[in-house]
PDB file of all heavy atoms in Angstrom:
ATOM      1  N   ALA A   1      -9.814  -4.877  -0.400  1.00  0.00           N
ATOM      2  CA  ALA A   1     -10.171  -3.468  -0.713  1.00  0.00           C
ATOM      3  C   ALA A   1      -8.963  -2.668  -1.166  1.00  0.00           C
ATOM      4  O   ALA A   1      -9.044  -1.829  -2.070  1.00  0.00           O
ATOM      5  CB  ALA A   1     -10.825  -2.831   0.505  1.00  0.00           C
ATOM      6  N   LEU A   2      -7.841  -2.875  -0.536  1.00  0.00           N
ATOM      7  CA  LEU A   2      -6.580  -2.178  -0.894  1.00  0.00           C
ATOM      8  C   LEU A   2      -6.139  -2.576  -2.308  1.00  0.00           C
ATOM      9  O   LEU A   2      -5.648  -1.733  -3.050  1.00  0.00           O
ATOM     10  CB  LEU A   2      -5.475  -2.421   0.104  1.00  0.00           C
ATOM     11  CG  LEU A   2      -5.646  -1.761   1.473  1.00  0.00           C
ATOM     12  CD1 LEU A   2      -4.655  -2.313   2.433  1.00  0.00           C
ATOM     13  CD2 LEU A   2      -5.488  -0.272   1.350  1.00  0.00           C
ATOM     14  N   THR A   3      -6.322  -3.861  -2.680  1.00  0.00           N
ATOM     15  CA  THR A   3      -5.864  -4.288  -3.990  1.00  0.00           C
ATOM     16  C   THR A   3      -6.692  -3.625  -5.077  1.00  0.00           C
ATOM     17  O   THR A   3      -6.187  -3.374  -6.220  1.00  0.00           O
ATOM     18  CB  THR A   3      -5.977  -5.819  -4.198  1.00  0.00           C
ATOM     19  OG1 THR A   3      -7.315  -6.202  -4.112  1.00  0.00           O
ATOM     20  CG2 THR A   3      -5.105  -6.559  -3.194  1.00  0.00           C
ATOM     21  N   GLU A   4      -7.926  -3.246  -4.786  1.00  0.00           N
ATOM     22  CA  GLU A   4      -8.785  -2.634  -5.774  1.00  0.00           C
ATOM     23  C   GLU A   4      -8.597  -1.132  -5.834  1.00  0.00           C
ATOM     24  O   GLU A   4      -8.889  -0.491  -6.884  1.00  0.00           O
ATOM     25  CB  GLU A   4     -10.208  -2.942  -5.475  1.00  0.00           C
ATOM     26  CG  GLU A   4     -10.526  -4.388  -5.662  1.00  0.00           C
ATOM     27  CD  GLU A   4     -12.001  -4.758  -5.548  1.00  0.00           C
ATOM     28  OE1 GLU A   4     -12.742  -3.994  -4.854  1.00  0.00           O
ATOM     29  OE2 GLU A   4     -12.444  -5.694  -6.164  1.00  0.00           O
ATOM     30  N   HIS A   5      -8.148  -0.501  -4.767  1.00  0.00           N
ATOM     31  CA  HIS A   5      -8.132   0.991  -4.693  1.00  0.00           C
ATOM     32  C   HIS A   5      -6.820   1.573  -4.356  1.00  0.00           C
ATOM     33  O   HIS A   5      -6.791   2.826  -4.208  1.00  0.00           O
ATOM     34  CB  HIS A   5      -9.178   1.413  -3.692  1.00  0.00           C
ATOM     35  CG  HIS A   5     -10.581   0.875  -3.985  1.00  0.00           C
ATOM     36  ND1 HIS A   5     -11.298   1.186  -5.055  1.00  0.00           N
ATOM     37  CD2 HIS A   5     -11.328  -0.057  -3.284  1.00  0.00           C
ATOM     38  CE1 HIS A   5     -12.425   0.541  -5.021  1.00  0.00           C
ATOM     39  NE2 HIS A   5     -12.495  -0.218  -4.010  1.00  0.00           N
ATOM     40  N   GLU A   6      -5.779   0.829  -4.213  1.00  0.00           N
ATOM     41  CA  GLU A   6      -4.509   1.353  -3.679  1.00  0.00           C
ATOM     42  C   GLU A   6      -3.384   1.150  -4.706  1.00  0.00           C
ATOM     43  O   GLU A   6      -3.153   0.047  -5.145  1.00  0.00           O
ATOM     44  CB  GLU A   6      -4.160   0.674  -2.389  1.00  0.00           C
ATOM     45  CG  GLU A   6      -3.001   1.267  -1.664  1.00  0.00           C
ATOM     46  CD  GLU A   6      -3.253   2.688  -1.217  1.00  0.00           C
ATOM     47  OE1 GLU A   6      -4.294   2.977  -0.612  1.00  0.00           O
ATOM     48  OE2 GLU A   6      -2.333   3.498  -1.454  1.00  0.00           O
ATOM     49  N   ASP A   7      -2.749   2.292  -5.065  1.00  0.00           N
ATOM     50  CA  ASP A   7      -1.593   2.195  -5.985  1.00  0.00           C
ATOM     51  C   ASP A   7      -0.331   2.042  -5.194  1.00  0.00           C
ATOM     52  O   ASP A   7       0.657   1.560  -5.690  1.00  0.00           O
ATOM     53  CB  ASP A   7      -1.499   3.442  -6.834  1.00  0.00           C
ATOM     54  CG  ASP A   7      -2.650   3.508  -7.876  1.00  0.00           C
ATOM     55  OD1 ASP A   7      -3.126   2.407  -8.228  1.00  0.00           O
ATOM     56  OD2 ASP A   7      -3.070   4.591  -8.242  1.00  0.00           O
ATOM     57  N   ASP A   8      -0.315   2.447  -3.893  1.00  0.00           N
ATOM     58  CA  ASP A   8       0.872   2.429  -3.065  1.00  0.00           C
ATOM     59  C   ASP A   8       0.931   1.067  -2.398  1.00  0.00           C
ATOM     60  O   ASP A   8       0.005   0.623  -1.721  1.00  0.00           O
ATOM     61  CB  ASP A   8       0.788   3.577  -2.067  1.00  0.00           C
ATOM     62  CG  ASP A   8       1.974   3.618  -1.179  1.00  0.00           C
ATOM     63  OD1 ASP A   8       3.014   3.033  -1.521  1.00  0.00           O
ATOM     64  OD2 ASP A   8       1.891   4.272  -0.127  1.00  0.00           O
ATOM     65  N   ALA A   9       2.068   0.411  -2.516  1.00  0.00           N
ATOM     66  CA  ALA A   9       2.207  -0.904  -1.903  1.00  0.00           C
ATOM     67  C   ALA A   9       2.386  -0.870  -0.384  1.00  0.00           C
ATOM     68  O   ALA A   9       2.191  -1.858   0.292  1.00  0.00           O
ATOM     69  CB  ALA A   9       3.465  -1.595  -2.491  1.00  0.00           C
ATOM     70  N   ALA A  10       2.699   0.304   0.165  1.00  0.00           N
ATOM     71  CA  ALA A  10       2.964   0.421   1.625  1.00  0.00           C
ATOM     72  C   ALA A  10       1.756  -0.062   2.445  1.00  0.00           C
ATOM     73  O   ALA A  10       1.920  -0.783   3.447  1.00  0.00           O
ATOM     74  CB  ALA A  10       3.333   1.841   1.977  1.00  0.00           C
ATOM     75  N   ASP A  11       0.549   0.310   2.046  1.00  0.00           N
ATOM     76  CA  ASP A  11      -0.635  -0.149   2.831  1.00  0.00           C
ATOM     77  C   ASP A  11      -0.836  -1.623   2.678  1.00  0.00           C
ATOM     78  O   ASP A  11      -1.287  -2.311   3.645  1.00  0.00           O
ATOM     79  CB  ASP A  11      -1.908   0.604   2.397  1.00  0.00           C
ATOM     80  CG  ASP A  11      -1.818   2.113   2.778  1.00  0.00           C
ATOM     81  OD1 ASP A  11      -1.092   2.434   3.756  1.00  0.00           O
ATOM     82  OD2 ASP A  11      -2.486   2.877   2.124  1.00  0.00           O
ATOM     83  N   LEU A  12      -0.597  -2.182   1.508  1.00  0.00           N
ATOM     84  CA  LEU A  12      -0.743  -3.622   1.285  1.00  0.00           C
ATOM     85  C   LEU A  12       0.326  -4.334   2.156  1.00  0.00           C
ATOM     86  O   LEU A  12      -0.015  -5.415   2.791  1.00  0.00           O
ATOM     87  CB  LEU A  12      -0.536  -3.974  -0.176  1.00  0.00           C
ATOM     88  CG  LEU A  12      -1.611  -3.475  -1.128  1.00  0.00           C
ATOM     89  CD1 LEU A  12      -1.144  -3.533  -2.545  1.00  0.00           C
ATOM     90  CD2 LEU A  12      -2.836  -4.408  -0.934  1.00  0.00           C
ATOM     91  N   ILE A  13       1.519  -3.880   2.189  1.00  0.00           N
ATOM     92  CA  ILE A  13       2.582  -4.494   3.000  1.00  0.00           C
ATOM     93  C   ILE A  13       2.180  -4.435   4.510  1.00  0.00           C
ATOM     94  O   ILE A  13       2.320  -5.441   5.174  1.00  0.00           O
ATOM     95  CB  ILE A  13       3.934  -3.794   2.759  1.00  0.00           C
ATOM     96  CG1 ILE A  13       4.360  -4.104   1.333  1.00  0.00           C
ATOM     97  CG2 ILE A  13       4.954  -4.221   3.789  1.00  0.00           C
ATOM     98  CD1 ILE A  13       5.578  -3.257   0.888  1.00  0.00           C
ATOM     99  N   ALA A  14       1.690  -3.312   4.894  1.00  0.00           N
ATOM    100  CA  ALA A  14       1.241  -3.201   6.344  1.00  0.00           C
ATOM    101  C   ALA A  14       0.134  -4.169   6.634  1.00  0.00           C
ATOM    102  O   ALA A  14       0.202  -4.811   7.710  1.00  0.00           O
ATOM    103  CB  ALA A  14       0.773  -1.774   6.618  1.00  0.00           C
ATOM    104  N   GLU A  15      -0.818  -4.359   5.758  1.00  0.00           N
ATOM    105  CA  GLU A  15      -1.889  -5.301   6.030  1.00  0.00           C
ATOM    106  C   GLU A  15      -1.340  -6.721   5.965  1.00  0.00           C
ATOM    107  O   GLU A  15      -1.767  -7.601   6.749  1.00  0.00           O
ATOM    108  CB  GLU A  15      -3.005  -5.133   5.012  1.00  0.00           C
ATOM    109  CG  GLU A  15      -4.251  -5.875   5.363  1.00  0.00           C
ATOM    110  CD  GLU A  15      -4.814  -5.499   6.733  1.00  0.00           C
ATOM    111  OE1 GLU A  15      -4.985  -4.301   7.034  1.00  0.00           O
ATOM    112  OE2 GLU A  15      -5.088  -6.394   7.539  1.00  0.00           O
ATOM    113  N   ASN A  16      -0.441  -7.033   5.092  1.00  0.00           N
ATOM    114  CA  ASN A  16       0.194  -8.336   5.037  1.00  0.00           C
ATOM    115  C   ASN A  16       0.921  -8.632   6.381  1.00  0.00           C
ATOM    116  O   ASN A  16       0.743  -9.695   6.968  1.00  0.00           O
ATOM    117  CB  ASN A  16       1.199  -8.416   3.904  1.00  0.00           C
ATOM    118  CG  ASN A  16       1.840  -9.790   3.799  1.00  0.00           C
ATOM    119  OD1 ASN A  16       1.198 -10.784   3.525  1.00  0.00           O
ATOM    120  ND2 ASN A  16       3.153  -9.794   4.033  1.00  0.00           N
ATOM    121  N   ILE A  17       1.646  -7.701   6.855  1.00  0.00           N
ATOM    122  CA  ILE A  17       2.352  -7.880   8.177  1.00  0.00           C
ATOM    123  C   ILE A  17       1.346  -8.111   9.279  1.00  0.00           C
ATOM    124  O   ILE A  17       1.580  -8.942  10.144  1.00  0.00           O
ATOM    125  CB  ILE A  17       3.273  -6.675   8.458  1.00  0.00           C
ATOM    126  CG1 ILE A  17       4.446  -6.690   7.480  1.00  0.00           C
ATOM    127  CG2 ILE A  17       3.745  -6.649   9.894  1.00  0.00           C
ATOM    128  CD1 ILE A  17       5.289  -5.382   7.459  1.00  0.00           C
ATOM    129  N   SER A  18       0.264  -7.390   9.261  1.00  0.00           N
ATOM    130  CA  SER A  18      -0.799  -7.549  10.262  1.00  0.00           C
ATOM    131  C   SER A  18      -1.396  -8.972  10.207  1.00  0.00           C
ATOM    132  O   SER A  18      -1.593  -9.578  11.242  1.00  0.00           O
ATOM    133  CB  SER A  18      -1.898  -6.507  10.029  1.00  0.00           C
ATOM    134  OG  SER A  18      -2.982  -6.729  10.910  1.00  0.00           O
ATOM    135  N   PHE A  19      -1.641  -9.467   9.006  1.00  0.00           N
ATOM    136  CA  PHE A  19      -2.165 -10.844   8.858  1.00  0.00           C
ATOM    137  C   PHE A  19      -1.218 -11.849   9.486  1.00  0.00           C
ATOM    138  O   PHE A  19      -1.664 -12.722  10.269  1.00  0.00           O
ATOM    139  CB  PHE A  19      -2.407 -11.117   7.377  1.00  0.00           C
ATOM    140  CG  PHE A  19      -2.911 -12.517   7.057  1.00  0.00           C
ATOM    141  CD1 PHE A  19      -4.252 -12.753   7.098  1.00  0.00           C
ATOM    142  CD2 PHE A  19      -2.020 -13.529   6.792  1.00  0.00           C
ATOM    143  CE1 PHE A  19      -4.719 -14.050   6.841  1.00  0.00           C
ATOM    144  CE2 PHE A  19      -2.501 -14.780   6.472  1.00  0.00           C
ATOM    145  CZ  PHE A  19      -3.795 -15.053   6.540  1.00  0.00           C
ATOM    146  N   HIS A  20       0.001 -11.744   9.125  1.00  0.00           N
ATOM    147  CA  HIS A  20       1.009 -12.699   9.647  1.00  0.00           C
ATOM    148  C   HIS A  20       1.179 -12.552  11.162  1.00  0.00           C
ATOM    149  O   HIS A  20       1.334 -13.577  11.873  1.00  0.00           O
ATOM    150  CB  HIS A  20       2.371 -12.498   8.969  1.00  0.00           C
ATOM    151  CG  HIS A  20       2.381 -13.013   7.555  1.00  0.00           C
ATOM    152  ND1 HIS A  20       2.896 -14.264   7.217  1.00  0.00           N
ATOM    153  CD2 HIS A  20       1.822 -12.482   6.394  1.00  0.00           C
ATOM    154  CE1 HIS A  20       2.693 -14.460   5.916  1.00  0.00           C
ATOM    155  NE2 HIS A  20       2.115 -13.379   5.429  1.00  0.00           N
ATOM    156  N   ALA A  21       1.068 -11.383  11.671  1.00  0.00           N
ATOM    157  CA  ALA A  21       1.215 -11.130  13.142  1.00  0.00           C
ATOM    158  C   ALA A  21       0.046 -11.736  13.871  1.00  0.00           C
ATOM    159  O   ALA A  21       0.218 -12.314  14.976  1.00  0.00           O
ATOM    160  CB  ALA A  21       1.329  -9.633  13.431  1.00  0.00           C
ATOM    161  N   LEU A  22      -1.130 -11.666  13.311  1.00  0.00           N
ATOM    162  CA  LEU A  22      -2.343 -12.262  13.965  1.00  0.00           C
ATOM    163  C   LEU A  22      -2.102 -13.772  14.169  1.00  0.00           C
ATOM    164  O   LEU A  22      -2.437 -14.315  15.214  1.00  0.00           O
ATOM    165  CB  LEU A  22      -3.570 -12.055  13.092  1.00  0.00           C
ATOM    166  CG  LEU A  22      -4.190 -10.686  13.123  1.00  0.00           C
ATOM    167  CD1 LEU A  22      -5.221 -10.557  11.978  1.00  0.00           C
ATOM    168  CD2 LEU A  22      -4.790 -10.358  14.499  1.00  0.00           C
ATOM    169  N   ILE A  23      -1.517 -14.389  13.172  1.00  0.00           N
ATOM    170  CA  ILE A  23      -1.316 -15.830  13.276  1.00  0.00           C
ATOM    171  C   ILE A  23      -0.187 -16.163  14.273  1.00  0.00           C
ATOM    172  O   ILE A  23      -0.371 -17.071  15.108  1.00  0.00           O
ATOM    173  CB  ILE A  23      -0.997 -16.405  11.878  1.00  0.00           C
ATOM    174  CG1 ILE A  23      -2.217 -16.314  11.006  1.00  0.00           C
ATOM    175  CG2 ILE A  23      -0.485 -17.846  11.955  1.00  0.00           C
ATOM    176  CD1 ILE A  23      -2.061 -16.611   9.523  1.00  0.00           C
ATOM    177  N   ALA A  24       0.881 -15.391  14.231  1.00  0.00           N
ATOM    178  CA  ALA A  24       1.980 -15.659  15.220  1.00  0.00           C
ATOM    179  C   ALA A  24       1.509 -15.441  16.643  1.00  0.00           C
ATOM    180  O   ALA A  24       1.815 -16.191  17.516  1.00  0.00           O
ATOM    181  CB  ALA A  24       3.176 -14.751  14.882  1.00  0.00           C
ATOM    182  N   GLU A  25       0.678 -14.409  16.814  1.00  0.00           N
ATOM    183  CA  GLU A  25       0.147 -14.104  18.182  1.00  0.00           C
ATOM    184  C   GLU A  25      -0.788 -15.243  18.615  1.00  0.00           C
ATOM    185  O   GLU A  25      -0.825 -15.629  19.812  1.00  0.00           O
ATOM    186  CB  GLU A  25      -0.563 -12.751  18.204  1.00  0.00           C
ATOM    187  CG  GLU A  25       0.347 -11.591  18.059  1.00  0.00           C
ATOM    188  CD  GLU A  25      -0.415 -10.286  17.778  1.00  0.00           C
ATOM    189  OE1 GLU A  25      -1.627 -10.219  17.885  1.00  0.00           O
ATOM    190  OE2 GLU A  25       0.280  -9.307  17.423  1.00  0.00           O
ATOM    191  N   ALA A  26      -1.601 -15.758  17.704  1.00  0.00           N
ATOM    192  CA  ALA A  26      -2.572 -16.776  18.020  1.00  0.00           C
ATOM    193  C   ALA A  26      -1.896 -18.111  18.451  1.00  0.00           C
ATOM    194  O   ALA A  26      -2.391 -18.846  19.219  1.00  0.00           O
ATOM    195  CB  ALA A  26      -3.543 -16.994  16.891  1.00  0.00           C
ATOM    196  N   ALA A  27      -0.698 -18.322  17.845  1.00  0.00           N
ATOM    197  CA  ALA A  27       0.079 -19.523  18.231  1.00  0.00           C
ATOM    198  C   ALA A  27       0.460 -19.490  19.743  1.00  0.00           C
ATOM    199  O   ALA A  27       0.564 -20.512  20.391  1.00  0.00           O
ATOM    200  CB  ALA A  27       1.339 -19.635  17.346  1.00  0.00           C
ATOM    201  N   ALA A  28       0.602 -18.243  20.225  1.00  0.00           N
ATOM    202  CA  ALA A  28       0.885 -18.011  21.686  1.00  0.00           C
ATOM    203  C   ALA A  28       2.082 -18.763  22.195  1.00  0.00           C
ATOM    204  O   ALA A  28       2.054 -19.306  23.296  1.00  0.00           O
ATOM    205  CB  ALA A  28      -0.392 -18.350  22.491  1.00  0.00           C
ATOM    206  N   ILE A  29       3.114 -18.798  21.373  1.00  0.00           N
ATOM    207  CA  ILE A  29       4.441 -19.294  21.824  1.00  0.00           C
ATOM    208  C   ILE A  29       5.407 -18.133  21.718  1.00  0.00           C
ATOM    209  O   ILE A  29       5.833 -17.780  20.647  1.00  0.00           O
ATOM    210  CB  ILE A  29       4.901 -20.489  20.966  1.00  0.00           C
ATOM    211  CG1 ILE A  29       3.815 -21.642  20.970  1.00  0.00           C
ATOM    212  CG2 ILE A  29       6.268 -21.025  21.419  1.00  0.00           C
ATOM    213  CD1 ILE A  29       4.099 -22.756  19.977  1.00  0.00           C
ATOM    214  N   ARG A  30       5.756 -17.592  22.880  1.00  0.00           N
ATOM    215  CA  ARG A  30       6.586 -16.400  22.921  1.00  0.00           C
ATOM    216  C   ARG A  30       7.880 -16.576  22.173  1.00  0.00           C
ATOM    217  O   ARG A  30       8.305 -15.733  21.412  1.00  0.00           O
ATOM    218  CB  ARG A  30       6.813 -15.996  24.392  1.00  0.00           C
ATOM    219  CG  ARG A  30       7.423 -14.635  24.498  1.00  0.00           C
ATOM    220  CD  ARG A  30       7.751 -14.229  25.898  1.00  0.00           C
ATOM    221  NE  ARG A  30       8.920 -15.051  26.325  1.00  0.00           N
ATOM    222  CZ  ARG A  30       9.030 -15.721  27.455  1.00  0.00           C
ATOM    223  NH1 ARG A  30       8.053 -15.659  28.329  1.00  0.00           N
ATOM    224  NH2 ARG A  30      10.101 -16.431  27.717  1.00  0.00           N
ATOM    225  N   GLN A  31       8.558 -17.691  22.333  1.00  0.00           N
ATOM    226  CA  GLN A  31       9.849 -17.942  21.692  1.00  0.00           C
ATOM    227  C   GLN A  31       9.679 -18.026  20.202  1.00  0.00           C
ATOM    228  O   GLN A  31      10.505 -17.528  19.426  1.00  0.00           O
ATOM    229  CB  GLN A  31      10.529 -19.206  22.203  1.00  0.00           C
ATOM    230  CG  GLN A  31      10.864 -19.160  23.702  1.00  0.00           C
ATOM    231  CD  GLN A  31       9.713 -19.569  24.606  1.00  0.00           C
ATOM    232  OE1 GLN A  31       8.542 -19.683  24.168  1.00  0.00           O
ATOM    233  NE2 GLN A  31      10.008 -19.747  25.867  1.00  0.00           N
ATOM    234  N   LEU A  32       8.552 -18.626  19.712  1.00  0.00           N
ATOM    235  CA  LEU A  32       8.332 -18.700  18.298  1.00  0.00           C
ATOM    236  C   LEU A  32       8.072 -17.340  17.689  1.00  0.00           C
ATOM    237  O   LEU A  32       8.628 -16.994  16.687  1.00  0.00           O
ATOM    238  CB  LEU A  32       7.121 -19.642  18.047  1.00  0.00           C
ATOM    239  CG  LEU A  32       6.678 -19.774  16.573  1.00  0.00           C
ATOM    240  CD1 LEU A  32       7.786 -20.388  15.734  1.00  0.00           C
ATOM    241  CD2 LEU A  32       5.455 -20.633  16.480  1.00  0.00           C
ATOM    242  N   ASP A  33       7.326 -16.526  18.401  1.00  0.00           N
ATOM    243  CA  ASP A  33       7.052 -15.180  17.963  1.00  0.00           C
ATOM    244  C   ASP A  33       8.342 -14.396  17.855  1.00  0.00           C
ATOM    245  O   ASP A  33       8.593 -13.668  16.847  1.00  0.00           O
ATOM    246  CB  ASP A  33       6.087 -14.495  18.930  1.00  0.00           C
ATOM    247  CG  ASP A  33       5.510 -13.196  18.335  1.00  0.00           C
ATOM    248  OD1 ASP A  33       5.195 -13.115  17.166  1.00  0.00           O
ATOM    249  OD2 ASP A  33       5.431 -12.208  19.151  1.00  0.00           O
ATOM    250  N   ALA A  34       9.237 -14.516  18.799  1.00  0.00           N
ATOM    251  CA  ALA A  34      10.504 -13.829  18.800  1.00  0.00           C
ATOM    252  C   ALA A  34      11.376 -14.287  17.634  1.00  0.00           C
ATOM    253  O   ALA A  34      12.019 -13.528  16.923  1.00  0.00           O
ATOM    254  CB  ALA A  34      11.243 -13.996  20.122  1.00  0.00           C
ATOM    255  N   MET A  35      11.357 -15.617  17.374  1.00  0.00           N
ATOM    256  CA  MET A  35      12.118 -16.153  16.270  1.00  0.00           C
ATOM    257  C   MET A  35      11.617 -15.651  14.937  1.00  0.00           C
ATOM    258  O   MET A  35      12.374 -15.313  13.997  1.00  0.00           O
ATOM    259  CB  MET A  35      12.138 -17.678  16.321  1.00  0.00           C
ATOM    260  CG  MET A  35      12.925 -18.226  17.476  1.00  0.00           C
ATOM    261  SD  MET A  35      12.603 -19.979  17.789  1.00  0.00           S
ATOM    262  CE  MET A  35      13.403 -20.720  16.375  1.00  0.00           C
TER     263      MET A  35
END
């Protein structure tokens, strides 16, 4: 939705970070998340 309606990259970057964080959290390895 952001790619279709957003000219500002900041919201896209925030969503990208959120996506990656979901995966790191799901791995559930505290040391890996810190690294």
